[in-house]
Amino acid sequence: MPIHARQANYEAILTMLNDCLQGSVKNLGFVLGGTDDFLEDKKRGLYSYEALRSRLAENRFAGQGVKDFSGPVLRLQNLSAEDLFVLLRNIRHVHAFGDEKKYIVPDDALKALLKKASETLGADYYKTPREVIKSFVGLLNVLDQNPGRDWQSFLGDVSFAKRDKVISIEEEIANGVPPPADTEDNLATFKL
């Protein structure tokens, strides 16, 4: 996203945040979800915009085991192995339209997938479980469309790639990569 479009988008977020914090709007709230980098990255994150950084700053007295749930930023802990297992069970349940009889894979498949992800990704899979979830949904879809296959035959082939830190379009252009054709300033004219 071009820098001036990002700035315009941050201005829109700032306006919404100011309206909520100053009581200009009633019965309306906004929830933005993102990684620590989404918030704290000094080049592209919300903190790269000084006005947002000052409004989203955490309580100076919070931290070191003390939480403040009244501020605009709530930090969530990384998922544990147990949390990921429960998440995969819930995804399986939704995939089966809530009918346990239509489960394509047993709990052992979930455990095996998590073990494989842990061996491949290490601690990263607790921070960003996206790859695990994408792979699991892909496995469910393939097994659903190919009922004669069993899940063990696919787990040997699955590999989880560690993601390199994503760089911005600006950094790619600086490195000589031409911008994608669809990076117009569509959001720069966004109005509320």
N, C-alpha and C. Protein backbone atom coordinates (compact mmCIF):
# COMPACT_ATOMS: atom_id res chain seq x y z
N MET A 1 0.86 -1.16 0.00
CA MET A 1 0.00 0.00 0.00
C MET A 1 0.90 1.22 0.00
N PRO A 2 0.68 2.18 -0.89
CA PRO A 2 1.50 3.38 -0.92
C PRO A 2 1.41 4.12 0.42
N ILE A 3 2.48 4.83 0.74
CA ILE A 3 2.59 5.49 2.04
C ILE A 3 1.46 6.47 2.28
N HIS A 4 1.09 7.29 1.28
CA HIS A 4 0.04 8.28 1.51
C HIS A 4 -1.32 7.62 1.71
N ALA A 5 -1.55 6.45 1.12
CA ALA A 5 -2.80 5.73 1.36
C ALA A 5 -2.83 5.19 2.79
N ARG A 6 -1.69 4.71 3.26
CA ARG A 6 -1.61 4.21 4.64
C ARG A 6 -1.88 5.36 5.61
N GLN A 7 -1.29 6.52 5.36
CA GLN A 7 -1.50 7.68 6.23
C GLN A 7 -2.99 8.07 6.25
N ALA A 8 -3.63 8.05 5.09
CA ALA A 8 -5.06 8.39 5.03
C ALA A 8 -5.89 7.37 5.80
N ASN A 9 -5.51 6.10 5.71
CA ASN A 9 -6.23 5.06 6.46
C ASN A 9 -6.01 5.23 7.96
N TYR A 10 -4.80 5.59 8.35
CA TYR A 10 -4.53 5.83 9.77
C TYR A 10 -5.32 7.04 10.27
N GLU A 11 -5.49 8.03 9.42
CA GLU A 11 -6.32 9.19 9.79
C GLU A 11 -7.76 8.76 10.03
N ALA A 12 -8.27 7.86 9.19
CA ALA A 12 -9.64 7.37 9.37
C ALA A 12 -9.76 6.60 10.68
N ILE A 13 -8.77 5.76 10.99
CA ILE A 13 -8.78 5.01 12.25
C ILE A 13 -8.69 5.97 13.42
N LEU A 14 -7.85 6.98 13.29
CA LEU A 14 -7.71 7.98 14.35
C LEU A 14 -9.02 8.71 14.60
N THR A 15 -9.72 9.06 13.55
CA THR A 15 -11.01 9.75 13.69
C THR A 15 -12.01 8.87 14.43
N MET A 16 -12.09 7.59 14.05
CA MET A 16 -13.00 6.67 14.72
C MET A 16 -12.61 6.51 16.20
N LEU A 17 -11.32 6.36 16.46
CA LEU A 17 -10.85 6.19 17.82
C LEU A 17 -11.14 7.43 18.66
N ASN A 18 -10.86 8.60 18.11
CA ASN A 18 -11.14 9.85 18.83
C ASN A 18 -12.63 9.97 19.15
N ASP A 19 -13.47 9.67 18.18
CA ASP A 19 -14.92 9.77 18.41
C ASP A 19 -15.36 8.83 19.53
N CYS A 20 -14.80 7.63 19.56
CA CYS A 20 -15.17 6.68 20.62
C CYS A 20 -14.62 7.11 21.97
N LEU A 21 -13.35 7.51 22.01
CA LEU A 21 -12.73 7.88 23.29
C LEU A 21 -13.30 9.17 23.87
N GLN A 22 -13.75 10.08 23.01
CA GLN A 22 -14.27 11.37 23.48
C GLN A 22 -15.77 11.36 23.70
N GLY A 23 -16.41 10.23 23.45
CA GLY A 23 -17.84 10.12 23.70
C GLY A 23 -18.71 10.77 22.64
N SER A 24 -18.17 11.01 21.46
CA SER A 24 -18.95 11.63 20.38
C SER A 24 -19.98 10.69 19.78
N VAL A 25 -19.73 9.40 19.92
CA VAL A 25 -20.67 8.40 19.41
C VAL A 25 -21.15 7.54 20.56
N LYS A 26 -22.35 7.05 20.46
CA LYS A 26 -22.91 6.20 21.49
C LYS A 26 -23.32 4.87 20.89
N ASN A 27 -23.19 3.82 21.68
CA ASN A 27 -23.61 2.47 21.28
C ASN A 27 -22.87 1.97 20.04
N LEU A 28 -21.64 2.37 19.91
CA LEU A 28 -20.84 1.94 18.77
C LEU A 28 -19.41 1.70 19.25
N GLY A 29 -18.83 0.62 18.80
CA GLY A 29 -17.45 0.32 19.15
C GLY A 29 -16.77 -0.34 17.98
N PHE A 30 -15.46 -0.33 17.99
CA PHE A 30 -14.68 -0.95 16.93
C PHE A 30 -13.68 -1.90 17.55
N VAL A 31 -13.49 -3.03 16.92
CA VAL A 31 -12.51 -4.00 17.35
C VAL A 31 -11.58 -4.25 16.18
N LEU A 32 -10.31 -3.99 16.37
CA LEU A 32 -9.30 -4.30 15.37
C LEU A 32 -8.45 -5.41 15.95
N GLY A 33 -8.18 -6.42 15.19
CA GLY A 33 -7.34 -7.52 15.64
C GLY A 33 -6.08 -7.58 14.82
N GLY A 34 -4.98 -7.86 15.47
CA GLY A 34 -3.73 -7.96 14.73
C GLY A 34 -2.61 -8.50 15.59
N THR A 35 -1.48 -8.70 14.97
CA THR A 35 -0.30 -9.19 15.66
C THR A 35 0.39 -8.04 16.37
N ASP A 36 1.41 -8.35 17.15
CA ASP A 36 2.18 -7.30 17.81
C ASP A 36 2.79 -6.36 16.77
N ASP A 37 3.25 -6.91 15.65
CA ASP A 37 3.83 -6.07 14.59
C ASP A 37 2.79 -5.13 14.00
N PHE A 38 1.57 -5.58 13.84
CA PHE A 38 0.49 -4.73 13.33
C PHE A 38 0.38 -3.46 14.18
N LEU A 39 0.58 -3.61 15.46
CA LEU A 39 0.47 -2.48 16.37
C LEU A 39 1.79 -1.73 16.51
N GLU A 40 2.87 -2.44 16.77
CA GLU A 40 4.10 -1.81 17.22
C GLU A 40 5.13 -1.49 16.14
N ASP A 41 5.01 -2.06 14.97
CA ASP A 41 6.02 -1.83 13.93
C ASP A 41 6.16 -0.33 13.69
N LYS A 42 7.37 0.19 13.87
CA LYS A 42 7.61 1.63 13.77
C LYS A 42 7.55 2.14 12.32
N LYS A 43 7.63 1.23 11.35
CA LYS A 43 7.57 1.66 9.95
C LYS A 43 6.18 1.53 9.34
N ARG A 44 5.46 0.44 9.70
CA ARG A 44 4.17 0.19 9.04
C ARG A 44 3.02 -0.01 10.01
N GLY A 45 3.31 -0.27 11.26
CA GLY A 45 2.25 -0.56 12.23
C GLY A 45 1.51 0.69 12.65
N LEU A 46 0.49 0.48 13.47
CA LEU A 46 -0.29 1.63 13.94
C LEU A 46 0.58 2.61 14.71
N TYR A 47 1.61 2.11 15.39
CA TYR A 47 2.50 3.00 16.15
C TYR A 47 3.38 3.86 15.24
N SER A 48 3.41 3.58 13.95
CA SER A 48 4.18 4.43 13.05
C SER A 48 3.52 5.79 12.88
N TYR A 49 2.27 5.88 13.28
CA TYR A 49 1.52 7.13 13.21
C TYR A 49 1.45 7.68 14.64
N GLU A 50 2.17 8.74 14.90
CA GLU A 50 2.37 9.24 16.26
C GLU A 50 1.06 9.47 17.02
N ALA A 51 0.06 10.03 16.36
CA ALA A 51 -1.21 10.30 17.04
C ALA A 51 -1.86 9.00 17.51
N LEU A 52 -1.75 7.94 16.72
CA LEU A 52 -2.30 6.65 17.14
C LEU A 52 -1.45 6.05 18.26
N ARG A 53 -0.13 6.19 18.14
CA ARG A 53 0.74 5.63 19.18
C ARG A 53 0.41 6.23 20.54
N SER A 54 0.18 7.53 20.59
CA SER A 54 -0.09 8.17 21.88
C SER A 54 -1.45 7.75 22.43
N ARG A 55 -2.43 7.53 21.57
CA ARG A 55 -3.76 7.14 22.04
C ARG A 55 -3.85 5.66 22.41
N LEU A 56 -3.04 4.85 21.74
CA LEU A 56 -3.09 3.40 21.98
C LEU A 56 -2.05 2.93 23.01
N ALA A 57 -1.28 3.86 23.53
CA ALA A 57 -0.24 3.49 24.50
C ALA A 57 -0.85 2.80 25.70
N GLU A 58 -0.12 1.83 26.21
CA GLU A 58 -0.60 1.08 27.36
C GLU A 58 -0.40 1.86 28.64
N ASN A 59 -1.18 1.50 29.62
CA ASN A 59 -1.08 2.10 30.94
C ASN A 59 0.32 1.85 31.49
N ARG A 60 0.97 2.90 31.95
CA ARG A 60 2.34 2.77 32.46
C ARG A 60 2.43 1.86 33.68
N PHE A 61 1.33 1.71 34.39
CA PHE A 61 1.34 0.90 35.60
C PHE A 61 1.00 -0.56 35.33
N ALA A 62 0.57 -0.86 34.12
CA ALA A 62 0.27 -2.24 33.74
C ALA A 62 1.57 -2.89 33.26
N GLY A 63 1.57 -4.18 33.21
CA GLY A 63 2.75 -4.93 32.78
C GLY A 63 3.29 -5.76 33.92
N GLN A 64 4.24 -6.59 33.65
CA GLN A 64 4.86 -7.47 34.64
C GLN A 64 3.81 -8.24 35.43
N GLY A 65 2.88 -8.84 34.70
CA GLY A 65 1.85 -9.65 35.33
C GLY A 65 0.60 -8.89 35.74
N VAL A 66 0.61 -7.58 35.62
CA VAL A 66 -0.55 -6.76 35.97
C VAL A 66 -1.24 -6.33 34.69
N LYS A 67 -2.54 -6.60 34.59
CA LYS A 67 -3.30 -6.29 33.37
C LYS A 67 -4.22 -5.10 33.61
N ASP A 68 -4.45 -4.35 32.54
CA ASP A 68 -5.43 -3.26 32.56
C ASP A 68 -6.37 -3.50 31.39
N PHE A 69 -7.61 -3.89 31.70
CA PHE A 69 -8.58 -4.20 30.65
C PHE A 69 -9.42 -2.99 30.27
N SER A 70 -9.12 -1.82 30.80
CA SER A 70 -9.92 -0.63 30.48
C SER A 70 -9.30 0.17 29.34
N GLY A 71 -8.09 -0.15 28.92
CA GLY A 71 -7.43 0.60 27.86
C GLY A 71 -7.91 0.20 26.48
N PRO A 72 -7.48 0.93 25.48
CA PRO A 72 -7.91 0.63 24.11
C PRO A 72 -7.23 -0.60 23.51
N VAL A 73 -6.13 -1.07 24.10
CA VAL A 73 -5.42 -2.23 23.56
C VAL A 73 -5.45 -3.35 24.59
N LEU A 74 -5.94 -4.50 24.16
CA LEU A 74 -5.93 -5.69 25.00
C LEU A 74 -4.98 -6.70 24.37
N ARG A 75 -3.97 -7.07 25.09
CA ARG A 75 -2.99 -8.03 24.57
C ARG A 75 -3.40 -9.44 24.99
N LEU A 76 -3.46 -10.30 24.01
CA LEU A 76 -3.83 -11.69 24.26
C LEU A 76 -2.57 -12.53 24.32
N GLN A 77 -2.61 -13.57 25.12
CA GLN A 77 -1.49 -14.50 25.18
C GLN A 77 -1.50 -15.39 23.93
N ASN A 78 -0.33 -15.90 23.59
CA ASN A 78 -0.26 -16.86 22.50
C ASN A 78 -1.06 -18.10 22.87
N LEU A 79 -1.54 -18.80 21.86
CA LEU A 79 -2.27 -20.03 22.10
C LEU A 79 -1.32 -21.10 22.61
N SER A 80 -1.81 -21.90 23.53
CA SER A 80 -1.04 -23.05 24.01
C SER A 80 -1.33 -24.24 23.10
N ALA A 81 -0.61 -25.32 23.29
CA ALA A 81 -0.86 -26.54 22.52
C ALA A 81 -2.29 -27.03 22.76
N GLU A 82 -2.75 -26.91 23.99
CA GLU A 82 -4.11 -27.32 24.32
C GLU A 82 -5.13 -26.43 23.63
N ASP A 83 -4.85 -25.13 23.59
CA ASP A 83 -5.75 -24.19 22.90
C ASP A 83 -5.86 -24.53 21.41
N LEU A 84 -4.71 -24.84 20.80
CA LEU A 84 -4.71 -25.19 19.38
C LEU A 84 -5.49 -26.48 19.14
N PHE A 85 -5.35 -27.44 20.04
CA PHE A 85 -6.09 -28.69 19.91
C PHE A 85 -7.60 -28.42 19.96
N VAL A 86 -8.02 -27.60 20.92
CA VAL A 86 -9.45 -27.25 21.04
C VAL A 86 -9.91 -26.50 19.79
N LEU A 87 -9.07 -25.61 19.29
CA LEU A 87 -9.42 -24.87 18.08
C LEU A 87 -9.62 -25.82 16.89
N LEU A 88 -8.72 -26.78 16.73
CA LEU A 88 -8.86 -27.74 15.63
C LEU A 88 -10.10 -28.61 15.82
N ARG A 89 -10.41 -28.98 17.04
CA ARG A 89 -11.64 -29.75 17.30
C ARG A 89 -12.86 -28.94 16.89
N ASN A 90 -12.86 -27.66 17.22
CA ASN A 90 -13.99 -26.80 16.86
C ASN A 90 -14.11 -26.62 15.36
N ILE A 91 -12.97 -26.49 14.68
CA ILE A 91 -12.99 -26.37 13.22
C ILE A 91 -13.55 -27.65 12.61
N ARG A 92 -13.11 -28.79 13.13
CA ARG A 92 -13.63 -30.08 12.64
C ARG A 92 -15.13 -30.16 12.86
N HIS A 93 -15.60 -29.68 13.99
CA HIS A 93 -17.03 -29.70 14.31
C HIS A 93 -17.83 -28.83 13.33
N VAL A 94 -17.31 -27.65 13.05
CA VAL A 94 -17.97 -26.76 12.10
C VAL A 94 -17.95 -27.37 10.70
N HIS A 95 -16.81 -27.97 10.33
CA HIS A 95 -16.68 -28.59 9.01
C HIS A 95 -17.70 -29.72 8.82
N ALA A 96 -18.04 -30.39 9.92
CA ALA A 96 -19.01 -31.49 9.88
C ALA A 96 -20.43 -30.99 10.12
N PHE A 97 -20.63 -29.68 10.05
CA PHE A 97 -21.95 -29.06 10.25
C PHE A 97 -22.56 -29.45 11.60
N GLY A 98 -21.69 -29.60 12.61
CA GLY A 98 -22.16 -29.88 13.96
C GLY A 98 -22.57 -31.31 14.22
N ASP A 99 -22.35 -32.19 13.26
CA ASP A 99 -22.74 -33.60 13.40
C ASP A 99 -21.50 -34.45 13.64
N GLU A 100 -21.35 -34.95 14.87
CA GLU A 100 -20.18 -35.74 15.23
C GLU A 100 -20.03 -37.00 14.36
N LYS A 101 -21.13 -37.51 13.84
CA LYS A 101 -21.08 -38.70 12.99
C LYS A 101 -20.40 -38.40 11.66
N LYS A 102 -20.32 -37.12 11.28
CA LYS A 102 -19.71 -36.74 10.00
C LYS A 102 -18.25 -36.30 10.15
N TYR A 103 -17.67 -36.50 11.32
CA TYR A 103 -16.25 -36.17 11.50
C TYR A 103 -15.42 -37.01 10.55
N ILE A 104 -14.57 -36.38 9.81
CA ILE A 104 -13.74 -37.07 8.82
C ILE A 104 -12.48 -37.64 9.46
N VAL A 105 -12.00 -36.96 10.50
CA VAL A 105 -10.77 -37.39 11.16
C VAL A 105 -11.00 -37.54 12.67
N PRO A 106 -10.29 -38.47 13.30
CA PRO A 106 -10.40 -38.63 14.76
C PRO A 106 -9.48 -37.65 15.48
N ASP A 107 -9.56 -37.63 16.79
CA ASP A 107 -8.69 -36.77 17.59
C ASP A 107 -7.21 -37.09 17.36
N ASP A 108 -6.91 -38.34 17.05
CA ASP A 108 -5.52 -38.72 16.79
C ASP A 108 -4.93 -37.95 15.61
N ALA A 109 -5.76 -37.65 14.63
CA ALA A 109 -5.29 -36.88 13.47
C ALA A 109 -4.93 -35.46 13.90
N LEU A 110 -5.72 -34.89 14.80
CA LEU A 110 -5.44 -33.54 15.29
C LEU A 110 -4.11 -33.53 16.04
N LYS A 111 -3.92 -34.53 16.89
CA LYS A 111 -2.67 -34.62 17.66
C LYS A 111 -1.47 -34.81 16.73
N ALA A 112 -1.63 -35.64 15.72
CA ALA A 112 -0.53 -35.89 14.79
C ALA A 112 -0.19 -34.63 13.99
N LEU A 113 -1.21 -33.90 13.58
CA LEU A 113 -0.97 -32.66 12.83
C LEU A 113 -0.26 -31.63 13.71
N LEU A 114 -0.68 -31.49 14.95
CA LEU A 114 -0.04 -30.55 15.86
C LEU A 114 1.40 -30.96 16.17
N LYS A 115 1.63 -32.25 16.30
CA LYS A 115 2.99 -32.73 16.55
C LYS A 115 3.89 -32.41 15.37
N LYS A 116 3.38 -32.65 14.17
CA LYS A 116 4.16 -32.36 12.95
C LYS A 116 4.44 -30.86 12.84
N ALA A 117 3.44 -30.04 13.14
CA ALA A 117 3.62 -28.59 13.08
C ALA A 117 4.65 -28.13 14.12
N SER A 118 4.57 -28.70 15.30
CA SER A 118 5.52 -28.33 16.36
C SER A 118 6.95 -28.68 15.97
N GLU A 119 7.13 -29.86 15.36
CA GLU A 119 8.46 -30.28 14.93
C GLU A 119 9.00 -29.40 13.82
N THR A 120 8.12 -28.96 12.93
CA THR A 120 8.54 -28.16 11.78
C THR A 120 8.71 -26.69 12.13
N LEU A 121 7.73 -26.13 12.82
CA LEU A 121 7.72 -24.69 13.07
C LEU A 121 8.34 -24.29 14.40
N GLY A 122 8.45 -25.22 15.31
CA GLY A 122 8.96 -24.87 16.63
C GLY A 122 7.96 -23.99 17.36
N ALA A 123 8.47 -23.02 18.09
CA ALA A 123 7.61 -22.15 18.91
C ALA A 123 6.78 -21.20 18.07
N ASP A 124 7.13 -21.01 16.80
CA ASP A 124 6.38 -20.07 15.95
C ASP A 124 4.92 -20.48 15.78
N TYR A 125 4.63 -21.77 15.86
CA TYR A 125 3.25 -22.16 15.59
C TYR A 125 2.31 -21.76 16.72
N TYR A 126 2.86 -21.43 17.89
CA TYR A 126 2.02 -20.90 18.96
C TYR A 126 1.69 -19.42 18.72
N LYS A 127 2.59 -18.71 18.08
CA LYS A 127 2.41 -17.28 17.85
C LYS A 127 1.44 -17.02 16.70
N THR A 128 1.62 -17.73 15.61
CA THR A 128 0.79 -17.52 14.44
C THR A 128 0.30 -18.88 13.93
N PRO A 129 -0.83 -19.33 14.43
CA PRO A 129 -1.31 -20.66 14.07
C PRO A 129 -1.95 -20.73 12.68
N ARG A 130 -1.82 -19.69 11.90
CA ARG A 130 -2.46 -19.63 10.59
C ARG A 130 -2.09 -20.81 9.70
N GLU A 131 -0.81 -21.15 9.64
CA GLU A 131 -0.37 -22.25 8.77
C GLU A 131 -0.99 -23.57 9.20
N VAL A 132 -1.07 -23.79 10.50
CA VAL A 132 -1.65 -25.04 11.01
C VAL A 132 -3.13 -25.11 10.64
N ILE A 133 -3.83 -24.00 10.84
CA ILE A 133 -5.27 -23.96 10.55
C ILE A 133 -5.53 -24.14 9.06
N LYS A 134 -4.75 -23.43 8.22
CA LYS A 134 -4.92 -23.58 6.77
C LYS A 134 -4.68 -25.02 6.34
N SER A 135 -3.63 -25.62 6.86
CA SER A 135 -3.32 -27.01 6.50
C SER A 135 -4.42 -27.96 6.97
N PHE A 136 -4.92 -27.73 8.17
CA PHE A 136 -5.96 -28.61 8.70
C PHE A 136 -7.25 -28.51 7.88
N VAL A 137 -7.66 -27.31 7.55
CA VAL A 137 -8.87 -27.14 6.73
C VAL A 137 -8.64 -27.75 5.35
N GLY A 138 -7.44 -27.59 4.80
CA GLY A 138 -7.12 -28.22 3.53
C GLY A 138 -7.20 -29.72 3.60
N LEU A 139 -6.69 -30.30 4.69
CA LEU A 139 -6.78 -31.75 4.90
C LEU A 139 -8.23 -32.20 4.96
N LEU A 140 -9.05 -31.47 5.73
CA LEU A 140 -10.47 -31.83 5.82
C LEU A 140 -11.15 -31.76 4.46
N ASN A 141 -10.83 -30.73 3.69
CA ASN A 141 -11.44 -30.59 2.36
C ASN A 141 -11.04 -31.71 1.42
N VAL A 142 -9.75 -32.06 1.42
CA VAL A 142 -9.27 -33.13 0.54
C VAL A 142 -9.90 -34.47 0.94
N LEU A 143 -9.94 -34.73 2.23
CA LEU A 143 -10.54 -36.00 2.69
C LEU A 143 -12.03 -36.05 2.40
N ASP A 144 -12.69 -34.92 2.49
CA ASP A 144 -14.12 -34.85 2.19
C ASP A 144 -14.38 -35.13 0.72
N GLN A 145 -13.49 -34.65 -0.15
CA GLN A 145 -13.68 -34.83 -1.58
C GLN A 145 -13.11 -36.15 -2.10
N ASN A 146 -12.33 -36.83 -1.28
CA ASN A 146 -11.73 -38.11 -1.65
C ASN A 146 -11.98 -39.10 -0.52
N PRO A 147 -13.20 -39.59 -0.39
CA PRO A 147 -13.56 -40.40 0.78
C PRO A 147 -12.80 -41.72 0.91
N GLY A 148 -12.17 -42.19 -0.10
CA GLY A 148 -11.44 -43.46 -0.01
C GLY A 148 -10.08 -43.32 0.66
N ARG A 149 -9.57 -42.11 0.83
CA ARG A 149 -8.23 -41.88 1.39
C ARG A 149 -8.31 -41.74 2.90
N ASP A 150 -7.22 -42.09 3.57
CA ASP A 150 -7.20 -41.88 5.02
C ASP A 150 -6.19 -40.78 5.36
N TRP A 151 -6.40 -40.18 6.51
CA TRP A 151 -5.65 -38.99 6.89
C TRP A 151 -4.16 -39.26 7.07
N GLN A 152 -3.76 -40.47 7.48
CA GLN A 152 -2.35 -40.78 7.70
C GLN A 152 -1.54 -40.63 6.42
N SER A 153 -2.13 -40.98 5.30
CA SER A 153 -1.39 -40.92 4.04
C SER A 153 -1.03 -39.48 3.66
N PHE A 154 -1.77 -38.52 4.16
CA PHE A 154 -1.48 -37.12 3.83
C PHE A 154 -0.51 -36.47 4.81
N LEU A 155 -0.51 -36.91 6.04
CA LEU A 155 0.34 -36.23 7.04
C LEU A 155 1.82 -36.40 6.78
N GLY A 156 2.21 -37.48 6.11
CA GLY A 156 3.61 -37.66 5.78
C GLY A 156 4.09 -36.64 4.77
N ASP A 157 3.17 -36.15 3.94
CA ASP A 157 3.54 -35.21 2.88
C ASP A 157 3.45 -33.76 3.30
N VAL A 158 2.74 -33.48 4.38
CA VAL A 158 2.52 -32.09 4.76
C VAL A 158 3.80 -31.50 5.35
N SER A 159 4.08 -30.28 4.95
CA SER A 159 5.20 -29.55 5.54
C SER A 159 4.73 -28.14 5.81
N PHE A 160 5.19 -27.62 6.91
CA PHE A 160 4.83 -26.27 7.31
C PHE A 160 6.03 -25.38 7.08
N ALA A 161 5.86 -24.40 6.23
CA ALA A 161 6.96 -23.50 5.92
C ALA A 161 6.99 -22.36 6.91
N LYS A 162 8.19 -22.12 7.45
CA LYS A 162 8.33 -20.96 8.31
C LYS A 162 8.21 -19.73 7.43
N ARG A 163 7.39 -18.81 7.87
CA ARG A 163 7.19 -17.60 7.09
C ARG A 163 8.29 -16.62 7.37
N ASP A 164 8.83 -16.07 6.28
CA ASP A 164 9.76 -14.96 6.46
C ASP A 164 8.94 -13.76 6.86
N LYS A 165 9.60 -12.82 7.50
CA LYS A 165 8.90 -11.60 7.89
C LYS A 165 8.39 -10.93 6.62
N VAL A 166 7.10 -10.63 6.59
CA VAL A 166 6.50 -10.02 5.42
C VAL A 166 7.02 -8.60 5.29
N ILE A 167 7.40 -8.25 4.07
CA ILE A 167 7.86 -6.89 3.86
C ILE A 167 6.78 -6.12 3.13
N SER A 168 6.82 -4.82 3.29
CA SER A 168 5.80 -3.97 2.69
C SER A 168 6.05 -3.80 1.20
N ILE A 169 5.04 -3.32 0.53
CA ILE A 169 5.17 -3.02 -0.90
C ILE A 169 6.26 -1.99 -1.12
N GLU A 170 6.35 -1.01 -0.21
CA GLU A 170 7.37 0.03 -0.33
C GLU A 170 8.77 -0.58 -0.30
N GLU A 171 8.98 -1.57 0.61
CA GLU A 171 10.28 -2.22 0.71
C GLU A 171 10.55 -3.06 -0.53
N GLU A 172 9.52 -3.72 -1.07
CA GLU A 172 9.71 -4.51 -2.29
C GLU A 172 10.09 -3.60 -3.46
N ILE A 173 9.42 -2.45 -3.58
CA ILE A 173 9.73 -1.51 -4.66
C ILE A 173 11.15 -1.00 -4.51
N ALA A 174 11.56 -0.71 -3.27
CA ALA A 174 12.93 -0.26 -3.02
C ALA A 174 13.95 -1.33 -3.40
N ASN A 175 13.55 -2.61 -3.30
CA ASN A 175 14.43 -3.71 -3.68
C ASN A 175 14.35 -4.05 -5.17
N GLY A 176 13.57 -3.26 -5.93
CA GLY A 176 13.50 -3.46 -7.38
C GLY A 176 12.36 -4.33 -7.86
N VAL A 177 11.46 -4.75 -6.97
CA VAL A 177 10.31 -5.56 -7.37
C VAL A 177 9.20 -4.62 -7.82
N PRO A 178 8.67 -4.78 -9.03
CA PRO A 178 7.60 -3.89 -9.46
C PRO A 178 6.33 -4.11 -8.64
N PRO A 179 5.57 -3.04 -8.38
CA PRO A 179 4.35 -3.19 -7.58
C PRO A 179 3.28 -3.97 -8.33
N PRO A 180 2.42 -4.70 -7.61
CA PRO A 180 1.32 -5.40 -8.27
C PRO A 180 0.39 -4.40 -8.93
N ALA A 181 -0.32 -4.85 -9.94
CA ALA A 181 -1.19 -3.95 -10.70
C ALA A 181 -2.38 -3.46 -9.89
N ASP A 182 -2.77 -4.20 -8.84
CA ASP A 182 -3.97 -3.83 -8.09
C ASP A 182 -3.69 -2.99 -6.85
N THR A 183 -2.55 -2.29 -6.78
CA THR A 183 -2.24 -1.48 -5.61
C THR A 183 -2.58 -0.02 -5.83
N GLU A 184 -3.74 0.23 -6.35
CA GLU A 184 -4.21 1.60 -6.53
C GLU A 184 -4.58 2.17 -5.17
N ASP A 185 -4.81 3.45 -5.14
CA ASP A 185 -5.17 4.13 -3.91
C ASP A 185 -6.65 4.03 -3.59
N ASN A 186 -7.23 2.85 -3.68
CA ASN A 186 -8.64 2.68 -3.45
C ASN A 186 -9.08 3.12 -2.07
N LEU A 187 -8.26 2.87 -1.06
CA LEU A 187 -8.65 3.21 0.30
C LEU A 187 -8.32 4.65 0.66
N ALA A 188 -7.53 5.34 -0.13
CA ALA A 188 -7.18 6.71 0.19
C ALA A 188 -8.40 7.62 0.17
N THR A 189 -9.42 7.26 -0.59
CA THR A 189 -10.61 8.11 -0.69
C THR A 189 -11.73 7.63 0.21
N PHE A 190 -11.44 6.70 1.11
CA PHE A 190 -12.44 6.16 2.02
C PHE A 190 -12.95 7.26 2.95
N LYS A 191 -14.24 7.43 3.02
CA LYS A 191 -14.87 8.44 3.87
C LYS A 191 -15.89 7.78 4.77
N LEU A 192 -16.06 8.34 5.95
CA LEU A 192 -17.09 7.86 6.87
C LEU A 192 -18.27 8.81 6.85
